[in-house]
Amino acid sequence: MPENILIAVAWPYANGPLHLGHIAGAYLPADIFARFHRMAGNNVLMVSGSDAHGTPITLRADREGVTPREIHDRFHQGFLESWQGLGISWDLFTTTETENHYRIAQDFFTRFHENGLLYETESSVPYSPSQNRYLPDRYIVGTCPHCDSDSARGDQCDSCGRTLDPRELVNPRSSIDGSAPEFRSRTHFMMRFSRFEDHLKEWLRDKTHWRPQVLNFTNGFLAQGLKDRAYTRDLEWGIPVPLDGWEDRRIYVWFEAVIGYLSASVQWAREVKGDPEAWRAWWGADARPYYFIGKDNITFHTIIWPAMLMAYGEGLALPEDVPANEFLNLEGYQLSTSRNWAVWAPEYLANYDADALRYVLSATMPETSDSEFTWPDYVRRVNTELVGTYGNLVHRTLTFLQRFFDGVVPDAEPDAAGARLTARVAEALEEAAAHIAACRFRAGLGVAMILAQDGNRYLDDRAPWRTIREDRDETARTLVTILGVIAGLKTLLAPYLPFSSQRLQTMLGLSGSAQDGGWTATTPAAGTRLPQPEALFAKLDEEQVLAREMANLGVGADNETRA
């Protein structure tokens, strides 16, 4: 029976281009997971969108002297182009600037208010005398009271991952002009999150399949006692509070943005599926929702959003898993947008192959600890693993078939040794499926590359370039066996390498999409005439790559995006 798999992916702030940290942290693992489950026959809904209302957008708008909407529109379009170039297979990538999202976010507020879960309180809010306005939390920076990082923001410390209030910061100051803010009293709504502490603890009891760092962080946060949190903010850009007299305040973006997972599903049902109720299948009791995020967003996806779903009612499904990734570092240092210490997706796609990046980021994915991207390692992996191992197996097999069999698949069956290798293909499909289903993407990729190495060893041992002169039938058996290995590799790597897998689908004489055949190895039938093969991957010139890319790092630090 097919399962309904909801894949909800972090909403990037529409204030700058994507970089490799974003891709490795949330978007590539989500896409691998989605592609696999589609191939496995499950019903997948993968949604996300641009976060239009985060204060990083207003910060950039202030600097450029334009409106937040202009910033949002520019980078939302950039995201769409990057997703297409990278092969991220959304069912819907939308934005929080839709009427649908406004309506659902305000409905959450109204229901919470009517059910007594929101209450008014006097809050101490940062105010800038020099600018004559109230400042959002993210406009305030200072020293974290928990880890002493001197770059904590008023809403969160990225160094230790704790959520904060601007009043907690040591030596708070405005990020705009460095002035010390005044804290003035303002009326705001607080959400009674404290009511859900016991419910959350009970819900978390069976989450032993979660990654240890995610579960430990979540339980540690709850152990401190769940506190009520402000649900509104002094802002002009965002979703208005749906109450008279509150026109100058907005729903706090941290709570509004996570509602986007639901609102995007509703939008997909209406606009893409043509059935306004279709979203319910991915939010009901039988649904399995997975949330792909970075480790800096764990709290809002394992505590805040589940509490909001509990509070809203309607039996909406809580997260099945939150496989948050750690951070990707670059050339020995933490990614820094202010120093332009990043590799930006648009610039990468203008010069290199998307599947090569997907491969390297999958092989080094920061699943349980921070990992490292370096250009020398990128070149090495592309040349040695993609070109030298996988691509070489494919190319020398298919070119040999063209030269000695006129490109026609022989009518032969594997011998005993070939049958053992064929059985290994089936085992690899099972092993990789178990890894990917459990969000162990590096391990799943490793299974495929071990099979590619096995195929190369078998081909070297059988030496068809020698046997073709002595025993054509034996050579045919060897080639049919290797075609089965290649077909298995195409399936194993399709979630990781969609573009090259589709090219290989064509080179194997198979019609349709590489995902059409499901999670099986479909070998071209005997007598199939194969087209002329092309190299799956191009070898890189290490000297040229390093000269260009290392020279670009840290230059032109004018991009501002969420690291």
Protein backbone atom coordinates (compact mmCIF):
# COMPACT_ATOMS: atom_id res chain seq x y z
CA MET A 1 0.00 0.00 0.00
CA PRO A 2 1.60 3.32 -1.04
CA GLU A 3 2.38 5.74 1.77
CA ASN A 4 1.68 9.47 1.76
CA ILE A 5 5.05 11.12 2.34
CA LEU A 6 5.01 14.84 3.08
CA ILE A 7 8.43 16.41 2.53
CA ALA A 8 8.47 19.86 4.09
CA VAL A 9 11.67 21.80 3.49
CA ALA A 10 13.04 24.92 5.19
CA TRP A 11 11.87 28.24 3.74
CA PRO A 12 14.91 30.28 2.60
CA TYR A 13 14.88 34.00 3.23
CA ALA A 14 14.44 35.77 -0.10
CA ASN A 15 17.27 38.21 0.56
CA GLY A 16 20.18 36.69 -1.35
CA PRO A 17 21.20 33.78 -3.61
CA LEU A 18 21.53 30.21 -2.42
CA HIS A 19 24.94 28.88 -1.46
CA LEU A 20 26.29 25.36 -0.96
CA GLY A 21 25.51 25.43 2.76
CA HIS A 22 21.82 25.84 2.03
CA ILE A 23 21.84 23.08 -0.59
CA ALA A 24 23.72 20.51 1.50
CA GLY A 25 21.82 21.47 4.65
CA ALA A 26 18.23 20.96 3.51
CA TYR A 27 17.39 21.04 -0.19
CA LEU A 28 19.54 18.27 -1.66
CA PRO A 29 18.71 15.70 1.06
CA ALA A 30 15.01 16.51 0.69
CA ASP A 31 15.18 16.04 -3.07
CA ILE A 32 17.02 12.71 -2.79
CA PHE A 33 14.39 11.54 -0.33
CA ALA A 34 11.52 12.70 -2.56
CA ARG A 35 12.92 11.13 -5.72
CA PHE A 36 13.53 7.83 -3.96
CA HIS A 37 10.01 7.62 -2.53
CA ARG A 38 8.47 8.42 -5.90
CA MET A 39 10.52 5.60 -7.44
CA ALA A 40 9.47 3.31 -4.58
CA GLY A 41 5.82 3.93 -5.50
CA ASN A 42 4.84 6.19 -2.63
CA ASN A 43 2.74 9.35 -2.91
CA VAL A 44 5.03 12.32 -2.37
CA LEU A 45 4.24 15.97 -1.74
CA MET A 46 7.36 18.14 -1.47
CA VAL A 47 6.72 21.78 -0.64
CA SER A 48 8.49 24.91 0.47
CA GLY A 49 8.80 28.51 -0.61
CA SER A 50 10.52 31.82 -0.16
CA ASP A 51 10.26 33.35 3.31
CA ALA A 52 9.15 36.84 2.31
CA HIS A 53 8.83 38.40 5.74
CA GLY A 54 12.05 37.66 7.59
CA THR A 55 13.90 40.70 8.87
CA PRO A 56 16.99 39.85 6.74
CA ILE A 57 14.85 41.02 3.82
CA THR A 58 14.02 44.36 5.43
CA LEU A 59 17.67 44.77 6.41
CA ARG A 60 18.76 44.41 2.81
CA ALA A 61 15.94 46.64 1.62
CA ASP A 62 17.05 49.34 4.06
CA ARG A 63 20.62 49.14 2.79
CA GLU A 64 19.60 49.31 -0.86
CA GLY A 65 16.90 51.91 -0.38
CA VAL A 66 14.21 49.73 -1.99
CA THR A 67 11.06 48.03 -0.72
CA PRO A 68 11.11 44.58 0.90
CA ARG A 69 8.86 43.35 -1.90
CA GLU A 70 11.47 44.28 -4.50
CA ILE A 71 14.09 42.28 -2.60
CA HIS A 72 11.72 39.34 -2.25
CA ASP A 73 10.70 39.32 -5.91
CA ARG A 74 14.31 39.47 -7.12
CA PHE A 75 15.60 36.57 -5.06
CA HIS A 76 12.46 34.44 -5.27
CA GLN A 77 12.96 34.38 -9.03
CA GLY A 78 16.62 33.52 -8.46
CA PHE A 79 15.60 30.59 -6.28
CA LEU A 80 13.33 29.24 -9.00
CA GLU A 81 16.19 29.37 -11.50
CA SER A 82 18.60 27.67 -9.09
CA TRP A 83 16.12 24.90 -8.29
CA GLN A 84 15.72 24.17 -11.98
CA GLY A 85 19.46 24.14 -12.54
CA LEU A 86 20.09 21.89 -9.55
CA GLY A 87 17.23 19.51 -10.34
CA ILE A 88 15.29 20.08 -7.09
CA SER A 89 11.95 18.45 -7.88
CA TRP A 90 9.37 20.49 -5.99
CA ASP A 91 5.70 19.72 -6.19
CA LEU A 92 5.30 23.38 -5.23
CA PHE A 93 7.78 26.07 -4.33
CA THR A 94 5.74 29.11 -3.40
CA THR A 95 6.14 32.17 -1.17
CA THR A 96 4.68 33.55 2.04
CA GLU A 97 3.50 36.55 0.02
CA THR A 98 0.35 34.81 -1.23
CA GLU A 99 -3.24 35.55 -0.29
CA ASN A 100 -3.62 31.86 0.58
CA HIS A 101 -0.77 32.00 3.10
CA TYR A 102 -2.04 35.23 4.66
CA ARG A 103 -5.48 33.66 5.12
CA ILE A 104 -4.21 30.47 6.77
CA ALA A 105 -1.67 32.24 9.00
CA GLN A 106 -4.38 34.64 10.19
CA ASP A 107 -6.73 31.69 10.74
CA PHE A 108 -4.15 30.14 13.09
CA PHE A 109 -3.97 33.43 15.00
CA THR A 110 -7.76 33.73 15.21
CA ARG A 111 -8.22 30.17 16.44
CA PHE A 112 -5.49 30.53 19.05
CA HIS A 113 -7.02 33.82 20.19
CA GLU A 114 -10.54 32.43 20.41
CA ASN A 115 -9.32 29.40 22.36
CA GLY A 116 -7.51 31.51 24.95
CA LEU A 117 -4.03 30.49 23.84
CA LEU A 118 -3.00 34.08 23.08
CA TYR A 119 -2.93 36.70 25.79
CA GLU A 120 -1.89 40.33 25.86
CA THR A 121 1.11 41.39 27.86
CA GLU A 122 3.37 44.37 28.18
CA SER A 123 6.67 43.63 26.49
CA SER A 124 9.95 45.46 26.62
CA VAL A 125 10.73 46.18 22.96
CA PRO A 126 13.96 47.62 21.52
CA TYR A 127 13.56 51.14 20.21
CA SER A 128 16.09 53.20 18.28
CA PRO A 129 16.07 56.89 19.26
CA SER A 130 18.41 57.69 16.37
CA GLN A 131 15.99 56.20 13.83
CA ASN A 132 12.80 56.95 15.72
CA ARG A 133 11.36 53.46 15.32
CA TYR A 134 11.00 50.10 17.00
CA LEU A 135 13.56 47.53 15.90
CA PRO A 136 12.84 43.88 15.09
CA ASP A 137 14.73 41.30 17.14
CA ARG A 138 17.13 40.51 14.32
CA TYR A 139 18.16 44.17 14.10
CA ILE A 140 19.70 43.78 17.56
CA VAL A 141 23.08 42.08 18.00
CA GLY A 142 25.20 41.45 21.06
CA THR A 143 26.86 38.80 23.22
CA CYS A 144 25.01 35.54 23.85
CA PRO A 145 24.36 35.02 27.59
CA HIS A 146 24.73 31.25 27.17
CA CYS A 147 27.88 30.73 25.06
CA ASP A 148 29.46 34.23 25.04
CA SER A 149 29.43 34.47 21.25
CA ASP A 150 29.72 38.15 20.38
CA SER A 151 27.67 37.78 17.19
CA ALA A 152 24.33 36.63 18.63
CA ARG A 153 21.15 38.16 17.26
CA GLY A 154 18.12 39.27 19.21
CA ASP A 155 16.14 36.23 18.12
CA GLN A 156 18.75 33.47 18.07
CA CYS A 157 22.39 32.64 18.61
CA ASP A 158 23.75 30.68 15.67
CA SER A 159 26.79 29.56 17.69
CA CYS A 160 24.85 27.57 20.30
CA GLY A 161 21.46 27.36 18.56
CA ARG A 162 19.44 28.85 21.41
CA THR A 163 16.47 31.08 20.73
CA LEU A 164 16.80 34.44 22.46
CA ASP A 165 15.04 37.63 23.42
CA PRO A 166 16.86 40.91 22.68
CA ARG A 167 16.77 41.76 26.39
CA GLU A 168 18.91 38.71 27.14
CA LEU A 169 21.85 39.92 25.06
CA VAL A 170 24.87 41.38 26.78
CA ASN A 171 25.75 44.83 25.41
CA PRO A 172 22.93 44.91 22.83
CA ARG A 173 23.30 47.28 19.91
CA SER A 174 21.59 48.14 16.64
CA SER A 175 22.98 46.32 13.63
CA ILE A 176 22.20 49.41 11.54
CA ASP A 177 24.18 52.13 13.30
CA GLY A 178 25.69 50.41 16.34
CA SER A 179 23.73 52.54 18.81
CA ALA A 180 22.43 51.10 22.07
CA PRO A 181 18.67 50.58 21.91
CA GLU A 182 16.17 51.71 24.50
CA PHE A 183 13.67 49.15 25.72
CA ARG A 184 10.16 50.55 25.76
CA SER A 185 6.92 48.99 26.87
CA ARG A 186 4.56 47.75 24.15
CA THR A 187 1.48 45.55 24.21
CA HIS A 188 1.94 42.26 22.40
CA PHE A 189 0.37 38.83 22.25
CA MET A 190 2.05 35.91 23.93
CA MET A 191 1.38 32.29 22.97
CA ARG A 192 0.82 29.81 25.80
CA PHE A 193 3.41 27.33 24.62
CA SER A 194 4.00 26.29 28.22
CA ARG A 195 0.68 24.42 28.10
CA PHE A 196 2.13 21.96 25.62
CA GLU A 197 5.28 20.94 27.45
CA ASP A 198 3.90 17.65 28.77
CA HIS A 199 2.17 16.85 25.46
CA LEU A 200 5.44 17.38 23.59
CA LYS A 201 7.40 15.21 26.01
CA GLU A 202 4.88 12.42 25.59
CA TRP A 203 4.94 12.75 21.81
CA LEU A 204 8.75 12.58 21.76
CA ARG A 205 8.97 9.32 23.69
CA ASP A 206 8.95 7.07 20.63
CA LYS A 207 11.20 9.25 18.48
CA THR A 208 14.22 7.00 18.99
CA HIS A 209 14.70 6.88 15.20
CA TRP A 210 15.55 10.60 15.14
CA ARG A 211 19.16 11.63 14.73
CA PRO A 212 20.78 11.72 18.16
CA GLN A 213 21.77 15.38 17.96
CA VAL A 214 18.21 16.41 17.02
CA LEU A 215 16.56 14.39 19.78
CA ASN A 216 19.12 15.41 22.40
CA PHE A 217 18.81 19.08 21.54
CA THR A 218 15.01 18.90 21.64
CA ASN A 219 14.84 17.06 24.95
CA GLY A 220 17.46 19.38 26.42
CA PHE A 221 15.42 22.40 25.40
CA LEU A 222 12.27 20.98 26.99
CA ALA A 223 14.14 20.04 30.14
CA GLN A 224 14.66 23.75 30.81
CA GLY A 225 10.90 24.26 30.85
CA LEU A 226 8.88 25.46 27.88
CA LYS A 227 8.14 29.17 28.10
CA ASP A 228 5.45 31.27 26.50
CA ARG A 229 6.68 33.27 23.53
CA ALA A 230 5.72 36.54 21.89
CA TYR A 231 3.47 35.93 18.87
CA THR A 232 3.45 39.48 17.50
CA ARG A 233 6.10 42.05 16.65
CA ASP A 234 6.44 45.76 15.89
CA LEU A 235 6.86 45.58 12.13
CA GLU A 236 5.47 47.12 8.98
CA TRP A 237 6.34 44.25 6.65
CA GLY A 238 4.60 40.95 7.23
CA ILE A 239 1.18 39.46 7.91
CA PRO A 240 -1.10 41.85 9.79
CA VAL A 241 -2.62 40.88 13.12
CA PRO A 242 -6.32 40.30 12.27
CA LEU A 243 -7.67 42.49 15.08
CA ASP A 244 -8.81 46.11 15.13
CA GLY A 245 -6.30 48.42 16.78
CA TRP A 246 -3.32 46.22 15.88
CA GLU A 247 -2.62 47.63 12.45
CA ASP A 248 0.97 48.63 13.31
CA ARG A 249 1.99 45.14 14.41
CA ARG A 250 2.51 41.85 12.59
CA ILE A 251 2.43 38.14 13.32
CA TYR A 252 5.96 37.12 14.31
CA VAL A 253 7.63 35.62 11.25
CA TRP A 254 9.03 32.61 13.13
CA PHE A 255 5.47 31.36 13.71
CA GLU A 256 3.99 32.58 10.46
CA ALA A 257 6.70 30.95 8.31
CA VAL A 258 6.27 27.40 9.66
CA ILE A 259 2.56 27.63 8.85
CA GLY A 260 3.78 27.79 5.26
CA TYR A 261 4.17 24.01 5.17
CA LEU A 262 0.42 23.70 5.56
CA SER A 263 -0.51 26.70 3.42
CA ALA A 264 1.75 25.49 0.59
CA SER A 265 0.04 22.08 0.72
CA VAL A 266 -3.37 23.77 0.50
CA GLN A 267 -2.18 25.93 -2.40
CA TRP A 268 -0.80 22.86 -4.22
CA ALA A 269 -4.12 21.05 -3.83
CA ARG A 270 -6.09 23.91 -5.33
CA GLU A 271 -3.75 25.24 -8.00
CA VAL A 272 -1.75 22.19 -9.08
CA LYS A 273 -3.92 19.20 -8.26
CA GLY A 274 -7.24 20.90 -8.99
CA ASP A 275 -8.81 19.39 -5.86
CA PRO A 276 -9.07 21.80 -2.88
CA GLU A 277 -9.23 18.89 -0.43
CA ALA A 278 -6.31 16.86 -1.83
CA TRP A 279 -3.85 18.24 0.74
CA ARG A 280 -5.59 16.36 3.57
CA ALA A 281 -4.06 13.04 2.51
CA TRP A 282 -0.62 14.40 3.51
CA TRP A 283 -1.83 15.89 6.80
CA GLY A 284 -4.08 13.14 8.16
CA ALA A 285 -3.49 10.32 10.59
CA ASP A 286 -1.89 8.06 7.97
CA ALA A 287 0.51 10.69 6.62
CA ARG A 288 4.25 10.59 7.25
CA PRO A 289 5.65 14.14 7.39
CA TYR A 290 9.42 14.73 7.18
CA TYR A 291 10.94 18.15 7.82
CA PHE A 292 14.31 18.89 6.21
CA ILE A 293 16.09 21.78 7.87
CA GLY A 294 19.47 22.95 9.15
CA LYS A 295 20.48 22.51 12.76
CA ASP A 296 19.86 26.20 13.52
CA ASN A 297 16.11 25.62 13.05
CA ILE A 298 15.60 22.52 15.18
CA THR A 299 13.63 24.23 17.96
CA PHE A 300 10.96 25.59 15.65
CA HIS A 301 10.38 22.24 13.95
CA THR A 302 10.55 19.83 16.89
CA ILE A 303 8.89 22.02 19.53
CA ILE A 304 7.20 25.21 18.30
CA TRP A 305 5.53 23.90 15.13
CA PRO A 306 4.34 20.62 16.74
CA ALA A 307 2.88 22.67 19.61
CA MET A 308 1.12 24.92 17.11
CA LEU A 309 -0.34 21.90 15.33
CA MET A 310 -1.54 20.51 18.65
CA ALA A 311 -3.08 23.87 19.49
CA TYR A 312 -4.78 24.24 16.12
CA GLY A 313 -6.51 20.89 16.34
CA GLU A 314 -8.08 19.18 13.31
CA GLY A 315 -5.88 16.12 13.87
CA LEU A 316 -3.09 17.47 11.68
CA ALA A 317 -0.14 15.08 11.48
CA LEU A 318 2.90 15.81 13.62
CA PRO A 319 6.44 15.29 12.26
CA GLU A 320 7.49 11.72 11.61
CA ASP A 321 11.10 12.83 11.51
CA VAL A 322 13.15 16.02 11.47
CA PRO A 323 16.46 14.93 9.91
CA ALA A 324 18.25 18.23 10.51
CA ASN A 325 21.71 18.44 9.01
CA GLU A 326 24.72 20.05 10.63
CA PHE A 327 26.69 22.80 8.86
CA LEU A 328 28.84 22.61 5.75
CA ASN A 329 32.14 24.46 6.07
CA LEU A 330 34.18 25.79 3.17
CA GLU A 331 37.94 25.40 2.81
CA GLY A 332 38.48 25.08 6.56
CA TYR A 333 36.28 27.99 7.62
CA GLN A 334 32.63 28.53 8.47
CA LEU A 335 30.58 29.88 5.59
CA SER A 336 30.35 33.66 5.90
CA THR A 337 28.09 35.77 3.71
CA SER A 338 29.52 39.03 5.03
CA ARG A 339 33.01 37.96 3.91
CA ASN A 340 31.65 36.31 0.74
CA TRP A 341 33.22 33.08 1.97
CA ALA A 342 30.74 30.95 0.06
CA VAL A 343 30.12 29.20 -3.22
CA TRP A 344 26.93 30.66 -4.69
CA ALA A 345 24.58 28.36 -6.60
CA PRO A 346 24.07 30.66 -9.62
CA GLU A 347 27.82 31.08 -10.10
CA TYR A 348 28.46 27.37 -9.71
CA LEU A 349 25.76 26.44 -12.23
CA ALA A 350 27.21 28.87 -14.76
CA ASN A 351 30.50 26.92 -14.80
CA TYR A 352 30.01 23.32 -13.71
CA ASP A 353 27.76 20.28 -13.88
CA ALA A 354 24.82 20.10 -11.47
CA ASP A 355 25.12 16.34 -10.92
CA ALA A 356 28.79 16.71 -10.04
CA LEU A 357 27.83 19.08 -7.23
CA ARG A 358 24.97 16.85 -6.11
CA TYR A 359 27.39 13.94 -5.95
CA VAL A 360 30.08 15.70 -3.96
CA LEU A 361 27.62 17.27 -1.52
CA SER A 362 25.91 13.89 -1.04
CA ALA A 363 29.24 12.19 -0.39
CA THR A 364 30.17 14.82 2.22
CA MET A 365 26.70 15.59 3.54
CA PRO A 366 26.80 16.92 7.16
CA GLU A 367 24.28 14.43 8.52
CA THR A 368 25.62 13.97 12.04
CA SER A 369 28.48 16.46 12.28
CA ASP A 370 29.79 19.47 10.41
CA SER A 371 31.50 18.56 7.14
CA GLU A 372 33.81 20.25 4.68
CA PHE A 373 33.67 21.32 1.05
CA THR A 374 36.99 22.06 -0.61
CA TRP A 375 37.69 22.60 -4.28
CA PRO A 376 40.59 20.08 -4.37
CA ASP A 377 38.27 17.42 -2.91
CA TYR A 378 35.57 18.39 -5.40
CA VAL A 379 37.95 17.91 -8.33
CA ARG A 380 39.30 14.66 -6.90
CA ARG A 381 35.86 13.15 -6.38
CA VAL A 382 34.64 14.17 -9.82
CA ASN A 383 37.72 12.87 -11.62
CA THR A 384 38.31 9.74 -9.55
CA GLU A 385 34.83 8.62 -8.55
CA LEU A 386 32.38 10.01 -11.11
CA VAL A 387 34.63 9.92 -14.17
CA GLY A 388 37.12 7.20 -13.20
CA THR A 389 34.81 4.70 -11.49
CA TYR A 390 31.17 5.15 -12.49
CA GLY A 391 31.54 6.98 -15.81
CA ASN A 392 34.38 4.73 -16.94
CA LEU A 393 32.37 1.57 -16.32
CA VAL A 394 29.49 2.92 -18.37
CA HIS A 395 31.56 4.33 -21.21
CA ARG A 396 33.89 1.43 -21.83
CA THR A 397 31.00 -1.05 -21.73
CA LEU A 398 28.79 0.86 -24.14
CA THR A 399 31.61 1.77 -26.54
CA PHE A 400 32.72 -1.89 -26.58
CA LEU A 401 29.17 -2.90 -27.49
CA GLN A 402 29.19 -0.41 -30.34
CA ARG A 403 32.55 -1.61 -31.67
CA PHE A 404 32.07 -5.36 -31.51
CA PHE A 405 28.27 -5.90 -31.42
CA ASP A 406 27.12 -3.00 -33.60
CA GLY A 407 25.47 -1.47 -30.53
CA VAL A 408 22.98 -4.36 -30.24
CA VAL A 409 22.34 -5.95 -26.83
CA PRO A 410 23.43 -9.63 -27.10
CA ASP A 411 21.02 -12.48 -26.48
CA ALA A 412 22.85 -14.09 -23.58
CA GLU A 413 22.51 -14.97 -19.90
CA PRO A 414 25.10 -14.35 -17.16
CA ASP A 415 27.27 -17.29 -16.18
CA ALA A 416 27.74 -18.36 -12.56
CA ALA A 417 30.07 -15.50 -11.70
CA GLY A 418 27.80 -13.07 -13.51
CA ALA A 419 24.77 -14.41 -11.66
CA ARG A 420 26.49 -13.67 -8.34
CA LEU A 421 27.15 -10.10 -9.46
CA THR A 422 23.56 -9.79 -10.67
CA ALA A 423 22.37 -10.93 -7.25
CA ARG A 424 24.61 -8.27 -5.74
CA VAL A 425 22.70 -5.63 -7.76
CA ALA A 426 19.43 -6.72 -6.14
CA GLU A 427 21.05 -6.66 -2.69
CA ALA A 428 22.43 -3.18 -3.33
CA LEU A 429 18.97 -1.89 -4.22
CA GLU A 430 17.61 -3.24 -0.93
CA GLU A 431 20.51 -1.86 1.11
CA ALA A 432 20.37 1.59 -0.45
CA ALA A 433 16.60 1.75 -0.07
CA ALA A 434 16.91 1.08 3.66
CA HIS A 435 19.56 3.78 4.02
CA ILE A 436 17.68 6.44 2.06
CA ALA A 437 14.36 5.69 3.80
CA ALA A 438 16.17 6.27 7.11
CA CYS A 439 17.69 9.53 5.78
CA ARG A 440 21.20 8.07 5.65
CA PHE A 441 22.03 9.55 2.28
CA ARG A 442 25.80 9.23 2.42
CA ALA A 443 25.47 5.53 3.16
CA GLY A 444 23.01 5.05 0.31
CA LEU A 445 25.42 6.68 -2.10
CA GLY A 446 28.23 4.51 -0.75
CA VAL A 447 26.29 1.36 -1.65
CA ALA A 448 26.06 2.52 -5.27
CA MET A 449 29.75 3.35 -5.55
CA ILE A 450 30.79 -0.01 -4.08
CA LEU A 451 28.66 -1.69 -6.75
CA ALA A 452 30.38 0.41 -9.42
CA GLN A 453 33.76 -0.76 -8.11
CA ASP A 454 32.53 -4.37 -8.15
CA GLY A 455 31.44 -3.92 -11.76
CA ASN A 456 34.82 -2.56 -12.78
CA ARG A 457 36.63 -5.43 -11.08
CA TYR A 458 34.39 -7.97 -12.80
CA LEU A 459 34.97 -6.34 -16.17
CA ASP A 460 38.73 -6.28 -15.63
CA ASP A 461 38.73 -9.94 -14.57
CA ARG A 462 36.66 -11.06 -17.56
CA ALA A 463 38.66 -8.89 -20.00
CA PRO A 464 36.15 -8.88 -22.90
CA TRP A 465 38.76 -7.11 -25.06
CA ARG A 466 40.67 -10.42 -24.98
CA THR A 467 37.80 -12.92 -25.03
CA ILE A 468 36.19 -11.26 -28.07
CA ARG A 469 38.95 -12.80 -30.17
CA GLU A 470 38.47 -16.28 -28.69
CA ASP A 471 34.91 -16.74 -27.40
CA ARG A 472 32.23 -14.31 -28.58
CA ASP A 473 29.54 -16.05 -26.49
CA GLU A 474 31.54 -15.62 -23.29
CA THR A 475 32.05 -11.97 -24.16
CA ALA A 476 28.31 -11.56 -24.69
CA ARG A 477 27.62 -13.05 -21.24
CA THR A 478 30.08 -10.61 -19.69
CA LEU A 479 28.50 -7.61 -21.39
CA VAL A 480 24.95 -8.60 -20.48
CA THR A 481 26.05 -8.96 -16.86
CA ILE A 482 27.66 -5.52 -16.84
CA LEU A 483 24.61 -3.98 -18.52
CA GLY A 484 22.63 -5.29 -15.55
CA VAL A 485 25.08 -3.63 -13.16
CA ILE A 486 24.85 -0.36 -15.07
CA ALA A 487 21.05 -0.55 -15.04
CA GLY A 488 21.18 -1.06 -11.28
CA LEU A 489 23.54 1.88 -10.86
CA LYS A 490 21.21 4.07 -12.91
CA THR A 491 18.41 3.31 -10.46
CA LEU A 492 20.58 3.60 -7.35
CA LEU A 493 21.93 6.97 -8.46
CA ALA A 494 18.74 8.42 -9.95
CA PRO A 495 17.76 10.17 -6.67
CA TYR A 496 21.27 11.62 -6.41
CA LEU A 497 22.17 12.29 -10.05
CA PRO A 498 18.93 12.92 -11.98
CA PHE A 499 20.45 14.53 -15.08
CA SER A 500 23.12 11.92 -15.82
CA SER A 501 20.71 9.13 -14.90
CA GLN A 502 18.30 10.37 -17.54
CA ARG A 503 21.09 10.53 -20.12
CA LEU A 504 22.03 6.97 -19.20
CA GLN A 505 18.39 5.94 -19.55
CA THR A 506 18.57 7.07 -23.18
CA MET A 507 21.96 5.46 -23.79
CA LEU A 508 20.54 2.14 -22.55
CA GLY A 509 17.80 2.36 -25.16
CA LEU A 510 15.09 2.77 -22.52
CA SER A 511 12.18 5.15 -23.05
CA GLY A 512 10.55 7.52 -20.59
CA SER A 513 11.95 8.90 -17.38
CA ALA A 514 14.70 7.25 -15.37
CA GLN A 515 12.19 7.15 -12.51
CA ASP A 516 9.45 5.44 -14.54
CA GLY A 517 10.71 1.93 -13.91
CA GLY A 518 10.58 2.23 -10.16
CA TRP A 519 13.21 1.01 -7.71
CA THR A 520 14.36 -1.86 -9.90
CA ALA A 521 17.14 -2.53 -12.39
CA THR A 522 15.63 -2.60 -15.87
CA THR A 523 18.13 -3.98 -18.37
CA PRO A 524 17.59 -3.35 -22.10
CA ALA A 525 16.15 -6.40 -23.84
CA ALA A 526 18.22 -8.56 -26.14
CA GLY A 527 18.22 -7.16 -29.63
CA THR A 528 17.85 -3.55 -28.50
CA ARG A 529 20.01 -1.24 -30.61
CA LEU A 530 21.72 1.30 -28.37
CA PRO A 531 22.55 4.84 -29.50
CA GLN A 532 26.12 6.07 -29.65
CA PRO A 533 27.26 6.62 -26.05
CA GLU A 534 28.53 9.89 -24.66
CA ALA A 535 30.64 10.45 -21.57
CA LEU A 536 28.43 10.91 -18.51
CA PHE A 537 30.88 13.30 -16.86
CA ALA A 538 33.73 15.52 -18.00
CA LYS A 539 37.14 15.38 -16.36
CA LEU A 540 38.15 18.60 -14.63
CA ASP A 541 41.45 20.45 -14.92
CA GLU A 542 42.40 20.87 -11.27
CA GLU A 543 44.79 23.75 -11.89
CA GLN A 544 42.17 25.75 -13.78
CA VAL A 545 39.42 25.06 -11.24
CA LEU A 546 41.54 26.02 -8.24
CA ALA A 547 42.93 29.13 -9.90
CA ARG A 548 39.44 30.43 -10.65
CA GLU A 549 37.55 29.38 -7.55
CA MET A 550 40.11 30.12 -4.84
CA ALA A 551 40.64 33.58 -6.33
CA ASN A 552 36.90 34.28 -6.06
CA LEU A 553 36.57 33.42 -2.38
CA GLY A 554 36.28 36.48 -0.16
CA VAL A 555 36.04 38.86 -3.13
CA GLY A 556 33.13 41.25 -3.59
CA ALA A 557 31.46 40.72 -0.25
CA ASP A 558 28.15 42.28 -1.21
CA ASN A 559 25.85 39.29 -0.89
CA GLU A 560 23.60 39.12 2.16
CA THR A 561 21.83 35.85 2.72
CA ARG A 562 21.23 33.46 5.56
CA ALA A 563 24.28 31.33 6.27
